[in-house]
Amino acid sequence: MKNINLNSILLAFFVILAFISVGFALGQEVFWLAFLFLLAGFGLMGFGISKKKRQET
């Protein structure tokens, strides 16, 4: 079995949680919080992509 990277799994979980939270905040009509979660989701995703690129080189 391959070695599982726990940090990457946790990061992916938090990215998904941030985007789910966007939907919840929009449902509650708290638009500033939805925008905040959207920025957090894209920020975490960008961090994960840059981390993966550094790890491959």
PDB file of N, CA and C in Angstrom:
ATOM      1  N   MET A   1       0.834  -1.184   0.000  1.00  0.00           N
ATOM      2  CA  MET A   1       0.000   0.000   0.000  1.00  0.00           C
ATOM      3  C   MET A   1       0.881   1.250   0.000  1.00  0.00           C
ATOM      4  N   LYS A   2       0.436   2.238  -0.730  1.00  0.00           N
ATOM      5  CA  LYS A   2       1.227   3.466  -0.827  1.00  0.00           C
ATOM      6  C   LYS A   2       1.226   4.228   0.491  1.00  0.00           C
ATOM      7  N   ASN A   3       2.253   5.038   0.662  1.00  0.00           N
ATOM      8  CA  ASN A   3       2.356   5.875   1.833  1.00  0.00           C
ATOM      9  C   ASN A   3       1.340   7.017   1.724  1.00  0.00           C
ATOM     10  N   ILE A   4       0.471   7.158   2.706  1.00  0.00           N
ATOM     11  CA  ILE A   4      -0.579   8.167   2.683  1.00  0.00           C
ATOM     12  C   ILE A   4      -0.079   9.428   3.382  1.00  0.00           C
ATOM     13  N   ASN A   5      -0.193  10.562   2.685  1.00  0.00           N
ATOM     14  CA  ASN A   5       0.244  11.837   3.237  1.00  0.00           C
ATOM     15  C   ASN A   5      -0.929  12.468   3.993  1.00  0.00           C
ATOM     16  N   LEU A   6      -0.882  12.431   5.306  1.00  0.00           N
ATOM     17  CA  LEU A   6      -1.975  12.908   6.142  1.00  0.00           C
ATOM     18  C   LEU A   6      -2.173  14.415   5.999  1.00  0.00           C
ATOM     19  N   ASN A   7      -1.090  15.175   5.823  1.00  0.00           N
ATOM     20  CA  ASN A   7      -1.211  16.624   5.679  1.00  0.00           C
ATOM     21  C   ASN A   7      -2.002  17.003   4.441  1.00  0.00           C
ATOM     22  N   SER A   8      -1.781  16.297   3.346  1.00  0.00           N
ATOM     23  CA  SER A   8      -2.510  16.585   2.113  1.00  0.00           C
ATOM     24  C   SER A   8      -3.986  16.237   2.240  1.00  0.00           C
ATOM     25  N   ILE A   9      -4.270  15.154   2.926  1.00  0.00           N
ATOM     26  CA  ILE A   9      -5.664  14.761   3.122  1.00  0.00           C
ATOM     27  C   ILE A   9      -6.387  15.788   3.987  1.00  0.00           C
ATOM     28  N   LEU A  10      -5.748  16.260   5.038  1.00  0.00           N
ATOM     29  CA  LEU A  10      -6.359  17.276   5.888  1.00  0.00           C
ATOM     30  C   LEU A  10      -6.563  18.591   5.146  1.00  0.00           C
ATOM     31  N   LEU A  11      -5.600  18.959   4.331  1.00  0.00           N
ATOM     32  CA  LEU A  11      -5.728  20.178   3.545  1.00  0.00           C
ATOM     33  C   LEU A  11      -6.890  20.068   2.571  1.00  0.00           C
ATOM     34  N   ALA A  12      -7.020  18.938   1.897  1.00  0.00           N
ATOM     35  CA  ALA A  12      -8.130  18.720   0.971  1.00  0.00           C
ATOM     36  C   ALA A  12      -9.469  18.747   1.714  1.00  0.00           C
ATOM     37  N   PHE A  13      -9.501  18.179   2.907  1.00  0.00           N
ATOM     38  CA  PHE A  13     -10.720  18.191   3.713  1.00  0.00           C
ATOM     39  C   PHE A  13     -11.135  19.621   4.058  1.00  0.00           C
ATOM     40  N   PHE A  14     -10.171  20.458   4.433  1.00  0.00           N
ATOM     41  CA  PHE A  14     -10.497  21.832   4.792  1.00  0.00           C
ATOM     42  C   PHE A  14     -10.910  22.667   3.580  1.00  0.00           C
ATOM     43  N   VAL A  15     -10.356  22.365   2.412  1.00  0.00           N
ATOM     44  CA  VAL A  15     -10.776  23.056   1.188  1.00  0.00           C
ATOM     45  C   VAL A  15     -12.231  22.714   0.881  1.00  0.00           C
ATOM     46  N   ILE A  16     -12.576  21.435   0.964  1.00  0.00           N
ATOM     47  CA  ILE A  16     -13.951  21.010   0.712  1.00  0.00           C
ATOM     48  C   ILE A  16     -14.887  21.608   1.751  1.00  0.00           C
ATOM     49  N   LEU A  17     -14.464  21.636   3.003  1.00  0.00           N
ATOM     50  CA  LEU A  17     -15.275  22.215   4.069  1.00  0.00           C
ATOM     51  C   LEU A  17     -15.515  23.709   3.837  1.00  0.00           C
ATOM     52  N   ALA A  18     -14.520  24.405   3.322  1.00  0.00           N
ATOM     53  CA  ALA A  18     -14.675  25.832   3.043  1.00  0.00           C
ATOM     54  C   ALA A  18     -15.716  26.058   1.957  1.00  0.00           C
ATOM     55  N   PHE A  19     -15.698  25.236   0.904  1.00  0.00           N
ATOM     56  CA  PHE A  19     -16.672  25.410  -0.173  1.00  0.00           C
ATOM     57  C   PHE A  19     -18.071  24.962   0.244  1.00  0.00           C
ATOM     58  N   ILE A  20     -18.177  23.968   1.108  1.00  0.00           N
ATOM     59  CA  ILE A  20     -19.484  23.608   1.663  1.00  0.00           C
ATOM     60  C   ILE A  20     -20.017  24.752   2.523  1.00  0.00           C
ATOM     61  N   SER A  21     -19.129  25.402   3.256  1.00  0.00           N
ATOM     62  CA  SER A  21     -19.524  26.524   4.097  1.00  0.00           C
ATOM     63  C   SER A  21     -20.007  27.709   3.267  1.00  0.00           C
ATOM     64  N   VAL A  22     -19.484  27.862   2.061  1.00  0.00           N
ATOM     65  CA  VAL A  22     -19.981  28.904   1.157  1.00  0.00           C
ATOM     66  C   VAL A  22     -21.455  28.656   0.869  1.00  0.00           C
ATOM     67  N   GLY A  23     -21.796  27.430   0.539  1.00  0.00           N
ATOM     68  CA  GLY A  23     -23.194  27.099   0.269  1.00  0.00           C
ATOM     69  C   GLY A  23     -24.079  27.320   1.474  1.00  0.00           C
ATOM     70  N   PHE A  24     -23.593  26.955   2.638  1.00  0.00           N
ATOM     71  CA  PHE A  24     -24.378  27.165   3.853  1.00  0.00           C
ATOM     72  C   PHE A  24     -24.584  28.650   4.133  1.00  0.00           C
ATOM     73  N   ALA A  25     -23.531  29.433   3.970  1.00  0.00           N
ATOM     74  CA  ALA A  25     -23.642  30.874   4.226  1.00  0.00           C
ATOM     75  C   ALA A  25     -24.580  31.536   3.217  1.00  0.00           C
ATOM     76  N   LEU A  26     -24.554  31.088   1.970  1.00  0.00           N
ATOM     77  CA  LEU A  26     -25.483  31.636   0.978  1.00  0.00           C
ATOM     78  C   LEU A  26     -26.918  31.256   1.320  1.00  0.00           C
ATOM     79  N   GLY A  27     -27.118  30.057   1.820  1.00  0.00           N
ATOM     80  CA  GLY A  27     -28.453  29.634   2.237  1.00  0.00           C
ATOM     81  C   GLY A  27     -28.987  30.461   3.394  1.00  0.00           C
ATOM     82  N   GLN A  28     -28.092  30.891   4.260  1.00  0.00           N
ATOM     83  CA  GLN A  28     -28.486  31.727   5.393  1.00  0.00           C
ATOM     84  C   GLN A  28     -28.493  33.214   5.035  1.00  0.00           C
ATOM     85  N   GLU A  29     -28.121  33.515   3.803  1.00  0.00           N
ATOM     86  CA  GLU A  29     -28.058  34.884   3.273  1.00  0.00           C
ATOM     87  C   GLU A  29     -27.088  35.774   4.045  1.00  0.00           C
ATOM     88  N   VAL A  30     -25.956  35.197   4.411  1.00  0.00           N
ATOM     89  CA  VAL A  30     -24.867  35.941   5.035  1.00  0.00           C
ATOM     90  C   VAL A  30     -23.766  36.035   3.977  1.00  0.00           C
ATOM     91  N   PHE A  31     -23.897  37.042   3.121  1.00  0.00           N
ATOM     92  CA  PHE A  31     -23.058  37.103   1.927  1.00  0.00           C
ATOM     93  C   PHE A  31     -21.604  37.433   2.240  1.00  0.00           C
ATOM     94  N   TRP A  32     -21.362  38.231   3.260  1.00  0.00           N
ATOM     95  CA  TRP A  32     -19.973  38.558   3.590  1.00  0.00           C
ATOM     96  C   TRP A  32     -19.239  37.311   4.095  1.00  0.00           C
ATOM     97  N   LEU A  33     -19.949  36.434   4.798  1.00  0.00           N
ATOM     98  CA  LEU A  33     -19.326  35.207   5.287  1.00  0.00           C
ATOM     99  C   LEU A  33     -19.085  34.226   4.127  1.00  0.00           C
ATOM    100  N   ALA A  34     -20.009  34.206   3.169  1.00  0.00           N
ATOM    101  CA  ALA A  34     -19.826  33.369   1.983  1.00  0.00           C
ATOM    102  C   ALA A  34     -18.598  33.817   1.204  1.00  0.00           C
ATOM    103  N   PHE A  35     -18.433  35.123   1.070  1.00  0.00           N
ATOM    104  CA  PHE A  35     -17.257  35.654   0.375  1.00  0.00           C
ATOM    105  C   PHE A  35     -15.977  35.299   1.124  1.00  0.00           C
ATOM    106  N   LEU A  36     -16.016  35.361   2.436  1.00  0.00           N
ATOM    107  CA  LEU A  36     -14.856  35.018   3.257  1.00  0.00           C
ATOM    108  C   LEU A  36     -14.486  33.536   3.097  1.00  0.00           C
ATOM    109  N   PHE A  37     -15.489  32.669   3.120  1.00  0.00           N
ATOM    110  CA  PHE A  37     -15.232  31.239   2.935  1.00  0.00           C
ATOM    111  C   PHE A  37     -14.735  30.944   1.520  1.00  0.00           C
ATOM    112  N   LEU A  38     -15.234  31.686   0.533  1.00  0.00           N
ATOM    113  CA  LEU A  38     -14.777  31.502  -0.840  1.00  0.00           C
ATOM    114  C   LEU A  38     -13.296  31.865  -0.967  1.00  0.00           C
ATOM    115  N   LEU A  39     -12.914  32.977  -0.379  1.00  0.00           N
ATOM    116  CA  LEU A  39     -11.502  33.365  -0.394  1.00  0.00           C
ATOM    117  C   LEU A  39     -10.638  32.344   0.350  1.00  0.00           C
ATOM    118  N   ALA A  40     -11.151  31.856   1.483  1.00  0.00           N
ATOM    119  CA  ALA A  40     -10.401  30.857   2.250  1.00  0.00           C
ATOM    120  C   ALA A  40     -10.230  29.565   1.445  1.00  0.00           C
ATOM    121  N   GLY A  41     -11.275  29.150   0.746  1.00  0.00           N
ATOM    122  CA  GLY A  41     -11.194  27.932  -0.060  1.00  0.00           C
ATOM    123  C   GLY A  41     -10.178  28.050  -1.171  1.00  0.00           C
ATOM    124  N   PHE A  42     -10.212  29.181  -1.898  1.00  0.00           N
ATOM    125  CA  PHE A  42      -9.242  29.367  -2.973  1.00  0.00           C
ATOM    126  C   PHE A  42      -7.827  29.549  -2.423  1.00  0.00           C
ATOM    127  N   GLY A  43      -7.707  30.215  -1.274  1.00  0.00           N
ATOM    128  CA  GLY A  43      -6.385  30.375  -0.663  1.00  0.00           C
ATOM    129  C   GLY A  43      -5.788  29.039  -0.239  1.00  0.00           C
ATOM    130  N   LEU A  44      -6.603  28.198   0.390  1.00  0.00           N
ATOM    131  CA  LEU A  44      -6.118  26.880   0.799  1.00  0.00           C
ATOM    132  C   LEU A  44      -5.788  26.008  -0.406  1.00  0.00           C
ATOM    133  N   MET A  45      -6.599  26.111  -1.452  1.00  0.00           N
ATOM    134  CA  MET A  45      -6.332  25.334  -2.649  1.00  0.00           C
ATOM    135  C   MET A  45      -5.027  25.779  -3.307  1.00  0.00           C
ATOM    136  N   GLY A  46      -4.803  27.078  -3.375  1.00  0.00           N
ATOM    137  CA  GLY A  46      -3.557  27.595  -3.934  1.00  0.00           C
ATOM    138  C   GLY A  46      -2.354  27.174  -3.114  1.00  0.00           C
ATOM    139  N   PHE A  47      -2.517  27.177  -1.803  1.00  0.00           N
ATOM    140  CA  PHE A  47      -1.434  26.722  -0.931  1.00  0.00           C
ATOM    141  C   PHE A  47      -1.108  25.256  -1.190  1.00  0.00           C
ATOM    142  N   GLY A  48      -2.135  24.432  -1.356  1.00  0.00           N
ATOM    143  CA  GLY A  48      -1.922  23.014  -1.610  1.00  0.00           C
ATOM    144  C   GLY A  48      -1.242  22.761  -2.945  1.00  0.00           C
ATOM    145  N   ILE A  49      -1.633  23.523  -3.972  1.00  0.00           N
ATOM    146  CA  ILE A  49      -1.020  23.350  -5.286  1.00  0.00           C
ATOM    147  C   ILE A  49       0.449  23.769  -5.255  1.00  0.00           C
ATOM    148  N   SER A  50       0.741  24.888  -4.580  1.00  0.00           N
ATOM    149  CA  SER A  50       2.140  25.315  -4.503  1.00  0.00           C
ATOM    150  C   SER A  50       2.968  24.339  -3.669  1.00  0.00           C
ATOM    151  N   LYS A  51       2.373  23.770  -2.644  1.00  0.00           N
ATOM    152  CA  LYS A  51       3.075  22.783  -1.824  1.00  0.00           C
ATOM    153  C   LYS A  51       3.389  21.529  -2.642  1.00  0.00           C
ATOM    154  N   LYS A  52       2.445  21.112  -3.479  1.00  0.00           N
ATOM    155  CA  LYS A  52       2.664  19.931  -4.312  1.00  0.00           C
ATOM    156  C   LYS A  52       3.745  20.180  -5.354  1.00  0.00           C
ATOM    157  N   LYS A  53       3.764  21.385  -5.935  1.00  0.00           N
ATOM    158  CA  LYS A  53       4.797  21.707  -6.926  1.00  0.00           C
ATOM    159  C   LYS A  53       6.182  21.716  -6.295  1.00  0.00           C
ATOM    160  N   ARG A  54       6.296  22.265  -5.085  1.00  0.00           N
ATOM    161  CA  ARG A  54       7.588  22.273  -4.394  1.00  0.00           C
ATOM    162  C   ARG A  54       8.022  20.868  -4.025  1.00  0.00           C
ATOM    163  N   GLN A  55       7.066  20.010  -3.704  1.00  0.00           N
ATOM    164  CA  GLN A  55       7.384  18.643  -3.301  1.00  0.00           C
ATOM    165  C   GLN A  55       7.871  17.813  -4.481  1.00  0.00           C
ATOM    166  N   GLU A  56       7.350  18.081  -5.679  1.00  0.00           N
ATOM    167  CA  GLU A  56       7.736  17.310  -6.858  1.00  0.00           C
ATOM    168  C   GLU A  56       9.114  17.680  -7.368  1.00  0.00           C
ATOM    169  N   THR A  57       9.564  18.902  -7.149  1.00  0.00           N
ATOM    170  CA  THR A  57      10.857  19.327  -7.682  1.00  0.00           C
ATOM    171  C   THR A  57      12.001  18.961  -6.769  1.00  0.00           C
TER     172      THR A  57
END
